[in-house]
Amino acid sequence: MSAKSNTDETQETSQADNQKRYWQSNLRLLGKLLFVWFIVSFGCGIILADWLDQFSIFGFKLGFWFAQQGAIYVFVVLIFAYARQMKSLDHKFGVGDDNGPEEESQL
């Protein structure tokens, strides 16, 4: 009986470690994406707007464009990047919701 409980404890510990590493990877990804969003929206749209205004894109000053449109476009791209990266993390750690009916029945 002790061998079975020892195996169960090892499996629970392994699963807890896997969940912890998954959550840490998720937070690391979120941190990176939020940093990019902050740099684009606050940095390019506010702090560097005057300097960026010397350049133009589609006839608009670049600082103005980032403040009005660019940050929104980057935010949408970040959403898709997050979804793609999370799918990869889910697959890596085996926690995705991609399980088909045949896989669910085996659980």
Protein backbone atom coordinates (compact mmCIF):
# COMPACT_ATOMS: atom_id res chain seq x y z
CA MET A 1 0.00 0.00 0.00
CA SER A 2 2.86 2.38 0.71
CA ALA A 3 4.22 1.88 -2.82
CA LYS A 4 0.88 2.98 -4.27
CA SER A 5 0.64 6.04 -2.02
CA ASN A 6 4.26 6.89 -2.78
CA THR A 7 3.49 6.72 -6.52
CA ASP A 8 0.39 8.88 -6.03
CA GLU A 9 2.42 11.47 -4.09
CA THR A 10 5.09 11.52 -6.80
CA GLN A 11 2.46 11.94 -9.50
CA GLU A 12 0.72 14.76 -7.57
CA THR A 13 4.06 16.50 -7.00
CA SER A 14 4.92 16.13 -10.67
CA GLN A 15 1.54 17.53 -11.69
CA ALA A 16 1.88 20.44 -9.25
CA ASP A 17 5.36 21.23 -10.63
CA ASN A 18 4.00 21.09 -14.17
CA GLN A 19 1.17 23.48 -13.26
CA LYS A 20 3.61 25.84 -11.55
CA ARG A 21 5.93 25.90 -14.59
CA TYR A 22 2.92 26.43 -16.87
CA TRP A 23 1.71 29.38 -14.80
CA GLN A 24 5.22 30.88 -14.65
CA SER A 25 5.51 30.57 -18.44
CA ASN A 26 2.10 32.21 -18.83
CA LEU A 27 3.10 35.13 -16.56
CA ARG A 28 6.43 35.54 -18.38
CA LEU A 29 4.60 35.72 -21.72
CA LEU A 30 2.09 38.23 -20.31
CA GLY A 31 4.92 40.36 -18.95
CA LYS A 32 6.67 40.48 -22.32
CA LEU A 33 3.49 41.35 -24.22
CA LEU A 34 2.45 44.02 -21.70
CA PHE A 35 5.93 45.53 -21.93
CA VAL A 36 5.62 45.78 -25.73
CA TRP A 37 2.14 47.28 -25.39
CA PHE A 38 3.40 49.83 -22.82
CA ILE A 39 6.35 50.87 -25.01
CA VAL A 40 4.14 51.30 -28.08
CA SER A 41 1.18 53.01 -26.41
CA PHE A 42 2.87 55.12 -23.73
CA GLY A 43 6.37 55.41 -25.16
CA CYS A 44 5.60 56.03 -28.83
CA GLY A 45 2.20 57.63 -28.30
CA ILE A 46 3.12 60.06 -25.50
CA ILE A 47 6.80 60.25 -24.51
CA LEU A 48 8.37 59.99 -27.97
CA ALA A 49 5.47 61.57 -29.88
CA ASP A 50 7.25 64.88 -30.53
CA TRP A 51 10.39 63.17 -31.79
CA LEU A 52 8.38 60.73 -33.93
CA ASP A 53 6.43 63.61 -35.49
CA GLN A 54 9.42 64.32 -37.75
CA PHE A 55 8.44 61.15 -39.66
CA SER A 56 5.16 60.54 -41.41
CA ILE A 57 3.06 57.51 -42.26
CA PHE A 58 0.10 57.71 -44.64
CA GLY A 59 0.43 61.51 -44.53
CA PHE A 60 0.12 61.71 -40.73
CA LYS A 61 2.85 62.57 -38.25
CA LEU A 62 4.16 59.31 -36.82
CA GLY A 63 3.72 60.34 -33.16
CA PHE A 64 0.09 61.25 -33.81
CA TRP A 65 -0.45 58.03 -35.76
CA PHE A 66 0.90 55.89 -32.92
CA ALA A 67 -1.29 57.70 -30.40
CA GLN A 68 -4.44 57.34 -32.52
CA GLN A 69 -4.04 54.15 -34.57
CA GLY A 70 -0.70 52.41 -34.10
CA ALA A 71 -1.22 51.42 -30.48
CA ILE A 72 -4.58 49.87 -31.35
CA TYR A 73 -3.09 47.88 -34.24
CA VAL A 74 -0.23 46.67 -32.07
CA PHE A 75 -2.72 45.68 -29.34
CA VAL A 76 -4.71 43.56 -31.82
CA VAL A 77 -1.51 41.91 -33.07
CA LEU A 78 -0.54 41.19 -29.45
CA ILE A 79 -3.89 39.48 -28.86
CA PHE A 80 -3.25 37.10 -31.77
CA ALA A 81 0.35 36.57 -30.65
CA TYR A 82 -0.86 35.73 -27.13
CA ALA A 83 -3.43 33.25 -28.46
CA ARG A 84 -0.82 31.55 -30.64
CA GLN A 85 1.77 31.40 -27.87
CA MET A 86 -0.74 30.10 -25.32
CA LYS A 87 -1.75 27.33 -27.70
CA SER A 88 1.91 26.39 -27.90
CA LEU A 89 2.27 26.51 -24.10
CA ASP A 90 -0.90 24.45 -23.64
CA HIS A 91 0.49 21.81 -25.97
CA LYS A 92 3.92 21.89 -24.30
CA PHE A 93 2.48 21.37 -20.82
CA GLY A 94 -0.42 19.15 -21.88
CA VAL A 95 -3.16 21.39 -20.50
CA GLY A 96 -4.99 22.45 -23.64
CA ASP A 97 -8.66 22.04 -24.40
CA ASP A 98 -7.81 20.39 -27.73
CA ASN A 99 -8.75 16.97 -26.37
CA GLY A 100 -11.10 15.18 -28.69
CA PRO A 101 -13.97 12.98 -27.49
CA GLU A 102 -11.84 9.86 -27.75
CA GLU A 103 -9.10 11.39 -25.57
CA GLU A 104 -11.60 12.59 -22.95
CA SER A 105 -13.10 9.11 -22.61
CA GLN A 106 -9.65 7.71 -21.78
CA LEU A 107 -9.26 10.09 -18.84
